[in-house]
């Protein structure tokens, strides 16, 4: 019949939250809580920027794959370059071993190991 819902839009919530914080924390603890919140936000932004810069430096490696790789040797050299391995004067088998050692052991599905 009657709808008694509160028609509160976006900016009014900020006022309601502020009043609730003043009632809960009191006027003495509110500045220290705001300071702690500011420090936490600053720490989060600093960590976020650091992760973004690390991701950008990792993704900036120029692999230059403008055309398809045709031979197995080209594929091995491209993988070695992306892993930071010097592929000069190494045979294909040596490159395969170095690449597999650098990438770590092959993970197997645990369901395949069950008998």
Protein backbone atom coordinates (compact mmCIF):
# COMPACT_ATOMS: atom_id res chain seq x y z
CA UNK A 1 0.00 0.00 0.00
CA UNK A 2 2.25 2.71 1.27
CA UNK A 3 5.86 2.92 0.25
CA UNK A 4 7.97 4.33 3.06
CA UNK A 5 11.33 3.96 1.33
CA UNK A 6 13.97 6.64 1.72
CA UNK A 7 14.60 8.47 -1.51
CA UNK A 8 18.24 9.19 -0.82
CA UNK A 9 20.45 9.91 -3.79
CA UNK A 10 24.26 9.84 -4.11
CA UNK A 11 25.63 12.91 -2.32
CA UNK A 12 23.30 12.59 0.67
CA UNK A 13 24.98 9.28 1.58
CA UNK A 14 28.23 11.12 2.21
CA UNK A 15 26.50 13.33 4.78
CA UNK A 16 24.81 10.34 6.41
CA UNK A 17 28.10 8.43 6.64
CA UNK A 18 29.89 11.47 8.08
CA UNK A 19 27.20 11.96 10.75
CA UNK A 20 27.34 8.25 11.60
CA UNK A 21 31.14 8.41 11.96
CA UNK A 22 30.88 11.43 14.26
CA UNK A 23 28.33 9.60 16.39
CA UNK A 24 30.37 6.38 16.52
CA UNK A 25 33.89 7.78 16.90
CA UNK A 26 33.21 11.09 18.55
CA UNK A 27 34.85 14.38 17.68
CA UNK A 28 38.10 13.48 19.47
CA UNK A 29 38.89 10.29 17.55
CA UNK A 30 37.64 11.41 14.13
CA UNK A 31 40.82 13.32 13.08
CA UNK A 32 43.10 10.41 14.00
CA UNK A 33 40.83 7.97 12.15
CA UNK A 34 40.88 10.24 9.08
CA UNK A 35 44.68 10.44 9.29
CA UNK A 36 44.97 6.64 9.46
CA UNK A 37 42.59 6.29 6.52
CA UNK A 38 44.64 8.80 4.52
CA UNK A 39 47.86 6.90 5.25
CA UNK A 40 46.24 3.62 4.22
CA UNK A 41 44.99 5.12 0.93
CA UNK A 42 48.44 6.60 0.27
CA UNK A 43 50.11 3.24 0.94
CA UNK A 44 47.65 1.51 -1.39
CA UNK A 45 48.27 4.04 -4.18
CA UNK A 46 52.05 3.70 -3.77
CA UNK A 47 51.86 -0.11 -4.00
CA UNK A 48 49.50 0.11 -6.99
CA UNK A 49 51.87 2.46 -8.84
CA UNK A 50 54.84 0.19 -8.09
CA UNK A 51 53.02 -2.87 -9.45
CA UNK A 52 51.94 -0.92 -12.54
CA UNK A 53 55.51 0.23 -13.22
CA UNK A 54 56.80 -3.34 -12.82
CA UNK A 55 54.13 -4.67 -15.17
CA UNK A 56 54.96 -1.95 -17.70
CA UNK A 57 58.69 -2.73 -17.57
CA UNK A 58 57.98 -6.43 -18.08
CA UNK A 59 55.57 -5.81 -20.95
CA UNK A 60 57.92 -3.34 -22.67
CA UNK A 61 60.24 -6.08 -23.90
CA UNK A 62 60.33 -5.62 -27.64
CA UNK A 63 59.89 -9.02 -29.27
CA UNK A 64 59.19 -7.64 -32.77
CA UNK A 65 57.09 -10.47 -34.17
CA UNK A 66 55.80 -8.63 -37.20
CA UNK A 67 55.88 -11.75 -39.36
CA UNK A 68 55.26 -15.41 -38.57
CA UNK A 69 58.18 -17.47 -37.35
CA UNK A 70 58.92 -20.17 -39.88
CA UNK A 71 61.70 -22.33 -38.50
CA UNK A 72 62.13 -24.09 -35.20
CA UNK A 73 65.38 -22.16 -34.67
CA UNK A 74 63.54 -18.83 -34.99
CA UNK A 75 60.99 -19.96 -32.42
CA UNK A 76 63.73 -21.04 -30.01
CA UNK A 77 65.62 -17.76 -30.46
CA UNK A 78 62.43 -15.75 -29.83
CA UNK A 79 61.68 -17.68 -26.62
CA UNK A 80 65.31 -17.37 -25.51
CA UNK A 81 65.24 -13.62 -26.16
CA UNK A 82 62.05 -13.19 -24.13
CA UNK A 83 63.65 -15.10 -21.23
CA UNK A 84 66.90 -13.14 -21.44
CA UNK A 85 69.01 -16.04 -22.71
CA UNK A 86 71.88 -15.47 -25.14
CA UNK A 87 71.12 -17.81 -28.04
CA UNK A 88 74.30 -17.18 -30.05
CA UNK A 89 76.65 -20.13 -30.53
CA UNK A 90 74.24 -22.61 -28.94
CA UNK A 91 72.71 -25.61 -30.63
CA UNK A 92 68.96 -26.18 -30.76
CA UNK A 93 69.17 -28.92 -28.13
CA UNK A 94 71.19 -26.71 -25.78
CA UNK A 95 68.63 -23.92 -26.18
CA UNK A 96 65.75 -26.31 -25.49
CA UNK A 97 67.45 -27.51 -22.29
CA UNK A 98 68.27 -23.99 -21.08
CA UNK A 99 64.72 -22.78 -21.82
CA UNK A 100 63.13 -25.74 -20.04
CA UNK A 101 65.45 -25.25 -17.04
CA UNK A 102 64.63 -21.54 -16.90
CA UNK A 103 60.87 -22.12 -17.13
CA UNK A 104 60.90 -24.73 -14.36
CA UNK A 105 59.53 -28.25 -14.12
CA UNK A 106 56.43 -29.18 -16.05
CA UNK A 107 53.34 -29.30 -13.85
CA UNK A 108 51.10 -32.30 -14.25
CA UNK A 109 47.41 -32.52 -13.53
CA UNK A 110 46.80 -34.25 -10.20
CA UNK A 111 43.90 -36.24 -11.66
CA UNK A 112 46.26 -37.92 -14.13
CA UNK A 113 48.51 -39.14 -11.31
CA UNK A 114 45.70 -40.93 -9.47
CA UNK A 115 45.37 -44.67 -9.99
